[in-house]
Structure formats: structure tokens, C-alpha cells
C-alpha atoms as a PDB file:
ATOM      1  CA  MET A   1     -12.660  12.107   8.465  1.00  0.00           C
ATOM      2  CA  ILE A   2     -11.931  10.802  10.966  1.00  0.00           C
ATOM      3  CA  LEU A   3      -9.289  12.540  13.816  1.00  0.00           C
ATOM      4  CA  ILE A   4      -6.899   9.806  16.291  1.00  0.00           C
ATOM      5  CA  ASP A   5      -3.804  11.620  16.984  1.00  0.00           C
ATOM      6  CA  ASP A   6      -1.812  13.610  14.313  1.00  0.00           C
ATOM      7  CA  THR A   7      -3.214  11.279  11.639  1.00  0.00           C
ATOM      8  CA  LEU A   8      -6.924  11.664   9.530  1.00  0.00           C
ATOM      9  CA  ILE A   9      -8.098   8.592   8.543  1.00  0.00           C
ATOM     10  CA  SER A  10     -10.592   9.074   4.974  1.00  0.00           C
ATOM     11  CA  THR A  11     -13.511   6.704   6.168  1.00  0.00           C
ATOM     12  CA  GLU A  12     -13.194   4.893   2.746  1.00  0.00           C
ATOM     13  CA  LEU A  13     -10.629   3.101   4.930  1.00  0.00           C
ATOM     14  CA  PHE A  14     -13.441   1.637   6.448  1.00  0.00           C
ATOM     15  CA  ASP A  15     -16.403   1.142   3.462  1.00  0.00           C
ATOM     16  CA  ARG A  16     -13.887   0.133   0.825  1.00  0.00           C
ATOM     17  CA  LYS A  17     -13.084  -3.219   0.185  1.00  0.00           C
ATOM     18  CA  PHE A  18      -9.690  -5.014  -0.520  1.00  0.00           C
ATOM     19  CA  CYS A  19      -7.819  -7.537  -0.818  1.00  0.00           C
ATOM     20  CA  CYS A  20      -4.832  -7.989  -2.758  1.00  0.00           C
ATOM     21  CA  ASP A  21      -5.620 -11.220  -5.285  1.00  0.00           C
ATOM     22  CA  LEU A  22      -1.803 -11.695  -7.298  1.00  0.00           C
ATOM     23  CA  LYS A  23      -3.444 -14.484  -9.130  1.00  0.00           C
ATOM     24  CA  ALA A  24      -5.568 -12.075 -11.407  1.00  0.00           C
ATOM     25  CA  CYS A  25      -3.325  -8.713 -11.192  1.00  0.00           C
ATOM     26  CA  LYS A  26      -0.006 -10.862 -11.200  1.00  0.00           C
ATOM     27  CA  GLY A  27       1.950  -8.088  -9.222  1.00  0.00           C
ATOM     28  CA  ALA A  28       1.442  -4.463 -11.615  1.00  0.00           C
ATOM     29  CA  CYS A  29       1.319  -2.472  -9.217  1.00  0.00           C
ATOM     30  CA  CYS A  30       5.245  -3.800  -9.147  1.00  0.00           C
ATOM     31  CA  VAL A  31       5.115  -2.629 -13.037  1.00  0.00           C
ATOM     32  CA  GLU A  32       2.348   0.683 -14.128  1.00  0.00           C
ATOM     33  CA  GLY A  33       2.749   3.907 -12.455  1.00  0.00           C
ATOM     34  CA  GLU A  34       4.703   6.829 -14.349  1.00  0.00           C
ATOM     35  CA  SER A  35       7.731   6.456 -11.584  1.00  0.00           C
ATOM     36  CA  GLY A  36       8.731   4.204  -8.639  1.00  0.00           C
ATOM     37  CA  ALA A  37       8.370   3.282  -5.209  1.00  0.00           C
ATOM     38  CA  PRO A  38       8.310   5.904  -2.858  1.00  0.00           C
ATOM     39  CA  LEU A  39      11.528   6.522   0.044  1.00  0.00           C
ATOM     40  CA  THR A  40      11.085   7.856   3.232  1.00  0.00           C
ATOM     41  CA  LYS A  41      14.325   9.134   3.477  1.00  0.00           C
ATOM     42  CA  GLU A  42      15.016   6.758   6.182  1.00  0.00           C
ATOM     43  CA  GLU A  43      14.352   4.064   3.939  1.00  0.00           C
ATOM     44  CA  LEU A  44      17.820   5.161   0.947  1.00  0.00           C
ATOM     45  CA  ALA A  45      19.710   3.083   4.734  1.00  0.00           C
ATOM     46  CA  GLU A  46      17.457   0.804   3.743  1.00  0.00           C
ATOM     47  CA  VAL A  47      18.058   0.163   0.728  1.00  0.00           C
ATOM     48  CA  GLU A  48      21.726   0.297   1.157  1.00  0.00           C
ATOM     49  CA  GLN A  49      22.301  -2.404   3.318  1.00  0.00           C
ATOM     50  CA  ALA A  50      19.537  -4.740   1.937  1.00  0.00           C
ATOM     51  CA  PHE A  51      21.204  -3.967  -1.360  1.00  0.00           C
ATOM     52  CA  PRO A  52      23.773  -6.530  -1.323  1.00  0.00           C
ATOM     53  CA  ILE A  53      21.330  -9.291   0.376  1.00  0.00           C
ATOM     54  CA  ILE A  54      18.937  -8.957  -3.155  1.00  0.00           C
ATOM     55  CA  ARG A  55      21.322  -8.847  -5.715  1.00  0.00           C
ATOM     56  CA  ASP A  56      21.082 -12.206  -7.154  1.00  0.00           C
ATOM     57  CA  ARG A  57      17.756 -11.976  -6.805  1.00  0.00           C
ATOM     58  CA  LEU A  58      17.571  -9.284  -9.128  1.00  0.00           C
ATOM     59  CA  LYS A  59      17.439  -9.059 -13.106  1.00  0.00           C
ATOM     60  CA  ALA A  60      20.584  -7.635 -15.696  1.00  0.00           C
ATOM     61  CA  ASP A  61      17.837  -5.275 -16.825  1.00  0.00           C
ATOM     62  CA  SER A  62      17.829  -3.973 -13.698  1.00  0.00           C
ATOM     63  CA  LEU A  63      21.021  -4.727 -12.404  1.00  0.00           C
ATOM     64  CA  ALA A  64      22.026  -2.583 -15.186  1.00  0.00           C
ATOM     65  CA  VAL A  65      19.827   0.221 -13.779  1.00  0.00           C
ATOM     66  CA  ILE A  66      21.540   0.374 -10.656  1.00  0.00           C
ATOM     67  CA  GLU A  67      24.411   0.461 -12.070  1.00  0.00           C
ATOM     68  CA  ARG A  68      23.765   3.324 -14.413  1.00  0.00           C
ATOM     69  CA  GLU A  69      21.049   5.306 -12.221  1.00  0.00           C
ATOM     70  CA  GLY A  70      22.108   4.207  -7.867  1.00  0.00           C
ATOM     71  CA  LEU A  71      20.399   2.567  -5.587  1.00  0.00           C
ATOM     72  CA  HIS A  72      17.602   4.710  -6.149  1.00  0.00           C
ATOM     73  CA  VAL A  73      16.743   8.264  -7.768  1.00  0.00           C
ATOM     74  CA  VAL A  74      14.711  11.532  -7.313  1.00  0.00           C
ATOM     75  CA  ASP A  75      11.865  12.024  -8.842  1.00  0.00           C
ATOM     76  CA  ALA A  76       9.845  15.220 -10.872  1.00  0.00           C
ATOM     77  CA  ASP A  77       8.955  15.899  -7.932  1.00  0.00           C
ATOM     78  CA  GLY A  78      11.899  15.832  -5.766  1.00  0.00           C
ATOM     79  CA  ASP A  79      10.538  12.898  -4.003  1.00  0.00           C
ATOM     80  CA  HIS A  80      13.353   9.950  -3.634  1.00  0.00           C
ATOM     81  CA  VAL A  81      11.361   6.611  -5.539  1.00  0.00           C
ATOM     82  CA  THR A  82      13.120   3.744  -6.301  1.00  0.00           C
ATOM     83  CA  PRO A  83      14.848   3.332 -10.270  1.00  0.00           C
ATOM     84  CA  ILE A  84      12.027   1.832 -12.951  1.00  0.00           C
ATOM     85  CA  VAL A  85      13.457  -0.852 -16.062  1.00  0.00           C
ATOM     86  CA  GLU A  86      12.602   1.616 -19.669  1.00  0.00           C
ATOM     87  CA  GLY A  87       9.387   3.734 -17.735  1.00  0.00           C
ATOM     88  CA  LYS A  88       7.647  -0.639 -16.298  1.00  0.00           C
ATOM     89  CA  GLU A  89       9.205  -2.378 -13.726  1.00  0.00           C
ATOM     90  CA  CYS A  90      11.029  -1.525 -10.632  1.00  0.00           C
ATOM     91  CA  VAL A  91      14.323  -2.838 -10.260  1.00  0.00           C
ATOM     92  CA  TYR A  92      13.302  -4.871  -7.833  1.00  0.00           C
ATOM     93  CA  ALA A  93      10.822  -6.037  -9.077  1.00  0.00           C
ATOM     94  CA  THR A  94      11.691  -9.886  -9.406  1.00  0.00           C
ATOM     95  CA  PHE A  95       9.047 -12.021 -12.315  1.00  0.00           C
ATOM     96  CA  ASP A  96       7.958 -15.581 -11.494  1.00  0.00           C
ATOM     97  CA  ALA A  97       8.099 -18.285 -13.907  1.00  0.00           C
ATOM     98  CA  ASP A  98       3.883 -16.954 -15.364  1.00  0.00           C
ATOM     99  CA  GLY A  99       5.252 -13.914 -15.116  1.00  0.00           C
ATOM    100  CA  THR A 100       3.709 -12.789 -11.769  1.00  0.00           C
ATOM    101  CA  ALA A 101       6.341  -9.019 -10.119  1.00  0.00           C
ATOM    102  CA  LYS A 102       7.097 -10.117  -6.916  1.00  0.00           C
ATOM    103  CA  CYS A 103       9.426  -7.571  -4.294  1.00  0.00           C
ATOM    104  CA  ALA A 104      12.637  -8.582  -4.295  1.00  0.00           C
ATOM    105  CA  PHE A 105      13.088  -6.859  -0.952  1.00  0.00           C
ATOM    106  CA  GLU A 106       9.596  -8.793   0.968  1.00  0.00           C
ATOM    107  CA  GLN A 107      10.697 -12.478  -1.254  1.00  0.00           C
ATOM    108  CA  ALA A 108      14.309 -11.881   1.053  1.00  0.00           C
ATOM    109  CA  HIS A 109      12.696 -10.482   4.120  1.00  0.00           C
ATOM    110  CA  LEU A 110      10.002 -13.816   4.435  1.00  0.00           C
ATOM    111  CA  ALA A 111      13.089 -15.939   3.872  1.00  0.00           C
ATOM    112  CA  GLY A 112      14.269 -14.915   6.607  1.00  0.00           C
ATOM    113  CA  GLU A 113      17.735 -13.039   5.306  1.00  0.00           C
ATOM    114  CA  LEU A 114      16.693  -9.690   5.829  1.00  0.00           C
ATOM    115  CA  ALA A 115      14.990  -7.466   8.544  1.00  0.00           C
ATOM    116  CA  TRP A 116      13.497  -5.257   7.090  1.00  0.00           C
ATOM    117  CA  ARG A 117      10.184  -5.788   4.998  1.00  0.00           C
ATOM    118  CA  LYS A 118       9.910  -3.436   1.739  1.00  0.00           C
ATOM    119  CA  PRO A 119       8.766   0.303   1.807  1.00  0.00           C
ATOM    120  CA  ILE A 120       6.551   1.020   3.431  1.00  0.00           C
ATOM    121  CA  SER A 121       4.318   2.842   0.750  1.00  0.00           C
ATOM    122  CA  CYS A 122       4.088   0.042  -1.012  1.00  0.00           C
ATOM    123  CA  HIS A 123       2.951  -2.787   1.748  1.00  0.00           C
ATOM    124  CA  LEU A 124       0.394   0.412   2.868  1.00  0.00           C
ATOM    125  CA  TYR A 125      -1.050   0.581  -0.601  1.00  0.00           C
ATOM    126  CA  PRO A 126      -3.885   0.987  -1.370  1.00  0.00           C
ATOM    127  CA  VAL A 127      -3.658   3.165   1.119  1.00  0.00           C
ATOM    128  CA  ARG A 128      -1.907   6.482   0.841  1.00  0.00           C
ATOM    129  CA  LEU A 129      -0.018   9.256   3.174  1.00  0.00           C
ATOM    130  CA  THR A 130       0.277  12.749   3.048  1.00  0.00           C
ATOM    131  CA  GLN A 131       1.740  15.631   5.194  1.00  0.00           C
ATOM    132  CA  LEU A 132      -0.385  18.042   5.599  1.00  0.00           C
ATOM    133  CA  LYS A 133       0.468  21.122   7.645  1.00  0.00           C
ATOM    134  CA  ASP A 134       0.484  19.026  11.590  1.00  0.00           C
ATOM    135  CA  LEU A 135      -1.592  16.067  10.427  1.00  0.00           C
ATOM    136  CA  VAL A 136      -1.274  13.186   7.837  1.00  0.00           C
ATOM    137  CA  ALA A 137      -4.151  12.120   5.180  1.00  0.00           C
ATOM    138  CA  VAL A 138      -4.774   8.993   5.318  1.00  0.00           C
ATOM    139  CA  ASN A 139      -6.359   7.840   2.197  1.00  0.00           C
ATOM    140  CA  TYR A 140      -7.615   5.303  -0.171  1.00  0.00           C
ATOM    141  CA  HIS A 141      -6.028   5.594  -3.784  1.00  0.00           C
ATOM    142  CA  ARG A 142      -8.717   3.261  -6.059  1.00  0.00           C
ATOM    143  CA  TRP A 143      -6.642   2.361  -9.358  1.00  0.00           C
ATOM    144  CA  PRO A 144      -7.515   0.926 -12.384  1.00  0.00           C
ATOM    145  CA  ILE A 145      -5.113  -2.217 -12.560  1.00  0.00           C
ATOM    146  CA  CYS A 146      -6.554  -3.309  -9.129  1.00  0.00           C
ATOM    147  CA  GLU A 147     -10.053  -3.967 -10.422  1.00  0.00           C
ATOM    148  CA  SER A 148      -9.745  -7.671  -8.993  1.00  0.00           C
ATOM    149  CA  ALA A 149      -8.178  -7.115  -5.547  1.00  0.00           C
ATOM    150  CA  ILE A 150     -11.577  -4.865  -5.543  1.00  0.00           C
ATOM    151  CA  THR A 151     -13.808  -8.190  -6.431  1.00  0.00           C
ATOM    152  CA  CYS A 152     -11.755 -10.128  -3.954  1.00  0.00           C
ATOM    153  CA  GLY A 153     -12.189  -7.241  -0.837  1.00  0.00           C
ATOM    154  CA  ALA A 154     -15.991  -7.544  -1.791  1.00  0.00           C
ATOM    155  CA  GLY A 155     -15.982 -11.271  -1.520  1.00  0.00           C
ATOM    156  CA  LEU A 156     -14.529 -11.416   1.834  1.00  0.00           C
ATOM    157  CA  ASP A 157     -16.352  -8.582   3.274  1.00  0.00           C
ATOM    158  CA  LEU A 158     -13.127  -7.413   4.418  1.00  0.00           C
ATOM    159  CA  SER A 159     -12.356  -3.039   4.258  1.00  0.00           C
ATOM    160  CA  VAL A 160      -9.413  -1.658   3.562  1.00  0.00           C
ATOM    161  CA  LEU A 161      -8.804  -1.160   7.056  1.00  0.00           C
ATOM    162  CA  ARG A 162      -8.484  -4.164   8.210  1.00  0.00           C
ATOM    163  CA  PHE A 163      -7.237  -5.515   5.324  1.00  0.00           C
ATOM    164  CA  CYS A 164      -3.813  -3.308   5.645  1.00  0.00           C
ATOM    165  CA  LYS A 165      -3.146  -4.274   9.460  1.00  0.00           C
ATOM    166  CA  ASP A 166       0.711  -4.912   8.577  1.00  0.00           C
ATOM    167  CA  ALA A 167       1.727  -2.346   7.226  1.00  0.00           C
ATOM    168  CA  LEU A 168      -0.738   0.101   9.252  1.00  0.00           C
ATOM    169  CA  ILE A 169       1.000  -0.828  12.227  1.00  0.00           C
ATOM    170  CA  ARG A 170       4.329  -1.234  11.325  1.00  0.00           C
ATOM    171  CA  ARG A 171       3.881   2.448  10.647  1.00  0.00           C
ATOM    172  CA  PHE A 172       1.547   3.979  13.462  1.00  0.00           C
ATOM    173  CA  GLY A 173       1.785   1.677  16.072  1.00  0.00           C
ATOM    174  CA  GLU A 174      -1.073  -0.949  17.677  1.00  0.00           C
ATOM    175  CA  ALA A 175      -2.736   1.587  19.820  1.00  0.00           C
ATOM    176  CA  TRP A 176      -2.717   3.623  16.770  1.00  0.00           C
ATOM    177  CA  TYR A 177      -4.366   0.415  14.749  1.00  0.00           C
ATOM    178  CA  GLU A 178      -6.964  -0.093  17.867  1.00  0.00           C
ATOM    179  CA  GLU A 179      -8.481   3.278  18.139  1.00  0.00           C
ATOM    180  CA  ALA A 180      -8.749   2.705  14.197  1.00  0.00           C
ATOM    181  CA  CYS A 181     -10.491  -0.287  14.923  1.00  0.00           C
ATOM    182  CA  LYS A 182     -12.619   1.107  17.163  1.00  0.00           C
ATOM    183  CA  ALA A 183     -14.011   3.953  14.946  1.00  0.00           C
ATOM    184  CA  GLU A 184     -14.470   2.150  11.993  1.00  0.00           C
ATOM    185  CA  MET A 185     -17.166  -0.226  13.937  1.00  0.00           C
ATOM    186  CA  GLU A 186     -18.545   3.140  15.725  1.00  0.00           C
ATOM    187  CA  TRP A 187     -18.383   4.759  11.861  1.00  0.00           C
ATOM    188  CA  LYS A 188     -20.314   1.640  10.560  1.00  0.00           C
ATOM    189  CA  GLN A 189     -23.071   1.687  13.595  1.00  0.00           C
ATOM    190  CA  ALA A 190     -23.724   4.624  12.542  1.00  0.00           C
ATOM    191  CA  MET A 191     -24.709   4.372   8.527  1.00  0.00           C
ATOM    192  CA  ALA A 192     -25.875   1.245   9.355  1.00  0.00           C
ATOM    193  CA  GLU A 193     -28.771   3.603  12.338  1.00  0.00           C
ATOM    194  CA  ARG A 194     -29.225   6.436   9.276  1.00  0.00           C
ATOM    195  CA  GLY A 195     -30.385   3.574   6.352  1.00  0.00           C
ATOM    196  CA  ASN A 196     -32.724   2.222   8.820  1.00  0.00           C
ATOM    197  CA  ARG A 197     -34.311   5.975   9.039  1.00  0.00           C
ATOM    198  CA  THR A 198     -34.379   6.773   6.141  1.00  0.00           C
ATOM    199  CA  SER A 199     -35.851   3.207   5.840  1.00  0.00           C
ATOM    200  CA  GLU A 200     -38.279   3.855   8.416  1.00  0.00           C
ATOM    201  CA  GLY A 201     -39.068   7.861   6.826  1.00  0.00           C
ATOM    202  CA  GLN A 202     -39.456   6.423   3.553  1.00  0.00           C
ATOM    203  CA  ALA A 203     -42.054   3.690   4.170  1.00  0.00           C
ATOM    204  CA  GLU A 204     -44.074   6.308   6.613  1.00  0.00           C
ATOM    205  CA  GLY A 205     -44.237   8.617   3.069  1.00  0.00           C
ATOM    206  CA  GLU A 206     -46.012   5.308   1.459  1.00  0.00           C
END
């Protein structure tokens, strides 16, 4: 783990490769899972303000759930999350003709209709944050539905840290991200040197 300010960063963010491959997964993260996307307390107001803008993008089934349950709900762990439709997709998911799920918030944002992009928990994925006593743990989360993203990231040699650049800057700021990138470079250099010493030791033992 690497300490930067009040965060503890898992070195898996440096080591693991990742890049979303929407053509392969078809936005499964908007559909799979036991509950909706986690929302911060500040994001509850963002959802409420955004709803009139994205309403026409949503499916009838989603609107029915929202009418019944509200724009956000509290899950079994006591956390605020987005509602889901019949135990599956987030109510704010929309679907292309080929079945690819996309976020209505993000679509409106990209169209210039909405300043807020989407829940930070979604934007950060596969990074997940855990609040500790005085620190925030910044971890990599592996999910079987994202195997194609791991393959894609490996092909591009793109680390989780680099893939999540925009989201991490949004959450922690430019200065924090620059420090994280510096830590990544130093960690990779240390790993390379350790590998070289191991190789040399093995050669001497032969």
C-alpha cells in the first residue's frame, strides 16, 4: 500500500491492466450486481436535479420503479444506492439497439445537457474506495464480467491508475493524481530492480 495524503493506494492499481471494452461486455456493470450504484449524500441532490433532464431517456419499466421506490433507495447495508429493475439493471440505464447498456446521466452529460457526469462510484470503477478510520483505501476490484477489460488493458499496457485518470482527478484532484503517477513509476522501477536481482541470483546459482 502507498500512502498519499489521507489515502492508502493498493499497488494493484499500478500492476493490474484494465480498459473497458464496451463492445464485448455491453455495459454489464449497469445490469449485474445485487444492488444499484452507491451514491454519496451529496449525489442525492445531483440525482434529483438531473432527473427532469434524463427522464425521457429512461425505459417505462425504470420510470415505474422510480415512481414506486423513489429516485434513490437505501440498501441492506444502510447505503444510498440507485434503484434497480426486477433485481437487474439500474433504473438509470438505457439500452442501444444491440443491447448495450449505457448510463442516462453520462449520455446527457456528453450531450451537453448535464454538468454532472454520473455517480463517482461508477466513474471510478474498477477502483473502489473504502473509508477507514482516518484514511480512504483506494483498491482495485476484480469482477468476472470485466474479463474483456483486463484483456484489453493488457493489450494496451494500460494500468488501472492510468485508465481511471479522469475519475481519480475528479475525486482527489490533479495534485493527488500526479503524486500517484510518481508513486507508480517508482514502484515499477523497484519491481524491475528486484526482478533483475532475482535473475542474477538464479544465474549465479546455476
